[in-house]
Amino acid sequence: MTLYRNQTYLLYVYGPDQWEAKAAMREVFAKHRLQLQLKED
């Protein structure tokens, strides 16, 4: 899979560990300078 820096990625994260998973995804996307939007409940 190829991710592009000029796009924003919308992620839906659900489950018992969703808050930890969202934090981890924010960290990974920021590390690679990718734009992320997490869908809130």
N, C-alpha and C. Protein backbone atom coordinates (compact mmCIF):
# COMPACT_ATOMS: atom_id res chain seq x y z
N MET A 1 0.84 -1.16 0.00
CA MET A 1 0.00 0.00 0.00
C MET A 1 0.89 1.23 0.00
N THR A 2 0.49 2.21 -0.76
CA THR A 2 1.20 3.47 -0.80
C THR A 2 0.30 4.56 -0.21
N LEU A 3 0.84 5.33 0.71
CA LEU A 3 0.12 6.46 1.29
C LEU A 3 0.78 7.74 0.80
N TYR A 4 -0.03 8.73 0.51
CA TYR A 4 0.47 9.98 -0.04
C TYR A 4 0.32 11.11 0.98
N ARG A 5 1.32 11.97 1.04
CA ARG A 5 1.30 13.07 2.00
C ARG A 5 0.30 14.16 1.64
N ASN A 6 -0.13 14.22 0.39
CA ASN A 6 -1.05 15.28 -0.01
C ASN A 6 -2.52 14.85 0.14
N GLN A 7 -2.77 13.73 0.81
CA GLN A 7 -4.12 13.27 1.06
C GLN A 7 -4.37 13.15 2.56
N THR A 8 -5.63 13.26 2.94
CA THR A 8 -6.03 13.05 4.33
C THR A 8 -6.72 11.71 4.42
N TYR A 9 -6.35 10.92 5.41
CA TYR A 9 -6.90 9.58 5.59
C TYR A 9 -7.88 9.58 6.75
N LEU A 10 -9.10 9.13 6.47
CA LEU A 10 -10.16 9.06 7.46
C LEU A 10 -10.20 7.64 8.01
N LEU A 11 -10.01 7.51 9.32
CA LEU A 11 -10.02 6.19 9.94
C LEU A 11 -11.16 6.09 10.94
N TYR A 12 -11.78 4.94 10.93
CA TYR A 12 -12.81 4.60 11.91
C TYR A 12 -12.18 3.56 12.83
N VAL A 13 -12.08 3.87 14.11
CA VAL A 13 -11.46 2.95 15.07
C VAL A 13 -12.48 2.67 16.17
N TYR A 14 -12.82 1.40 16.35
CA TYR A 14 -13.80 1.00 17.35
C TYR A 14 -13.26 -0.17 18.15
N GLY A 15 -13.83 -0.38 19.31
CA GLY A 15 -13.47 -1.52 20.12
C GLY A 15 -13.08 -1.12 21.53
N PRO A 16 -12.81 -2.11 22.35
CA PRO A 16 -12.52 -1.84 23.76
C PRO A 16 -11.22 -1.05 23.97
N ASP A 17 -10.32 -1.10 23.02
CA ASP A 17 -9.05 -0.37 23.15
C ASP A 17 -8.95 0.77 22.15
N GLN A 18 -10.11 1.33 21.77
CA GLN A 18 -10.11 2.35 20.72
C GLN A 18 -9.29 3.59 21.08
N TRP A 19 -9.28 4.00 22.35
CA TRP A 19 -8.54 5.22 22.72
C TRP A 19 -7.04 5.01 22.58
N GLU A 20 -6.56 3.84 22.98
CA GLU A 20 -5.14 3.52 22.82
C GLU A 20 -4.78 3.38 21.34
N ALA A 21 -5.67 2.75 20.58
CA ALA A 21 -5.42 2.57 19.15
C ALA A 21 -5.40 3.90 18.42
N LYS A 22 -6.30 4.80 18.76
CA LYS A 22 -6.32 6.12 18.13
C LYS A 22 -5.04 6.89 18.44
N ALA A 23 -4.58 6.81 19.68
CA ALA A 23 -3.33 7.49 20.05
C ALA A 23 -2.15 6.93 19.26
N ALA A 24 -2.12 5.61 19.11
CA ALA A 24 -1.03 4.97 18.36
C ALA A 24 -1.07 5.37 16.89
N MET A 25 -2.26 5.43 16.30
CA MET A 25 -2.38 5.82 14.89
C MET A 25 -1.97 7.28 14.69
N ARG A 26 -2.35 8.15 15.63
CA ARG A 26 -1.92 9.55 15.54
C ARG A 26 -0.39 9.64 15.54
N GLU A 27 0.23 8.87 16.40
CA GLU A 27 1.69 8.89 16.51
C GLU A 27 2.35 8.41 15.22
N VAL A 28 1.86 7.32 14.66
CA VAL A 28 2.45 6.76 13.43
C VAL A 28 2.27 7.72 12.27
N PHE A 29 1.07 8.26 12.11
CA PHE A 29 0.83 9.17 10.99
C PHE A 29 1.67 10.44 11.14
N ALA A 30 1.79 10.97 12.36
CA ALA A 30 2.61 12.16 12.58
C ALA A 30 4.08 11.88 12.29
N LYS A 31 4.55 10.72 12.67
CA LYS A 31 5.95 10.35 12.43
C LYS A 31 6.29 10.40 10.94
N HIS A 32 5.33 10.01 10.11
CA HIS A 32 5.55 9.96 8.67
C HIS A 32 4.95 11.17 7.95
N ARG A 33 4.56 12.16 8.73
CA ARG A 33 4.02 13.42 8.21
C ARG A 33 2.84 13.19 7.27
N LEU A 34 1.95 12.30 7.68
CA LEU A 34 0.73 12.01 6.92
C LEU A 34 -0.46 12.65 7.64
N GLN A 35 -1.42 13.09 6.87
CA GLN A 35 -2.60 13.74 7.43
C GLN A 35 -3.63 12.67 7.83
N LEU A 36 -4.14 12.81 9.02
CA LEU A 36 -5.07 11.83 9.57
C LEU A 36 -6.29 12.53 10.15
N GLN A 37 -7.44 11.96 9.87
CA GLN A 37 -8.68 12.39 10.52
C GLN A 37 -9.30 11.15 11.12
N LEU A 38 -9.51 11.16 12.41
CA LEU A 38 -10.14 10.03 13.10
C LEU A 38 -11.61 10.32 13.26
N LYS A 39 -12.45 9.42 12.85
CA LYS A 39 -13.89 9.56 12.98
C LYS A 39 -14.26 9.38 14.43
N GLU A 40 -14.93 10.39 14.98
CA GLU A 40 -15.36 10.34 16.38
C GLU A 40 -16.75 9.71 16.46
N ASP A 41 -17.04 9.14 17.62
CA ASP A 41 -18.35 8.50 17.82
C ASP A 41 -19.47 9.49 17.70
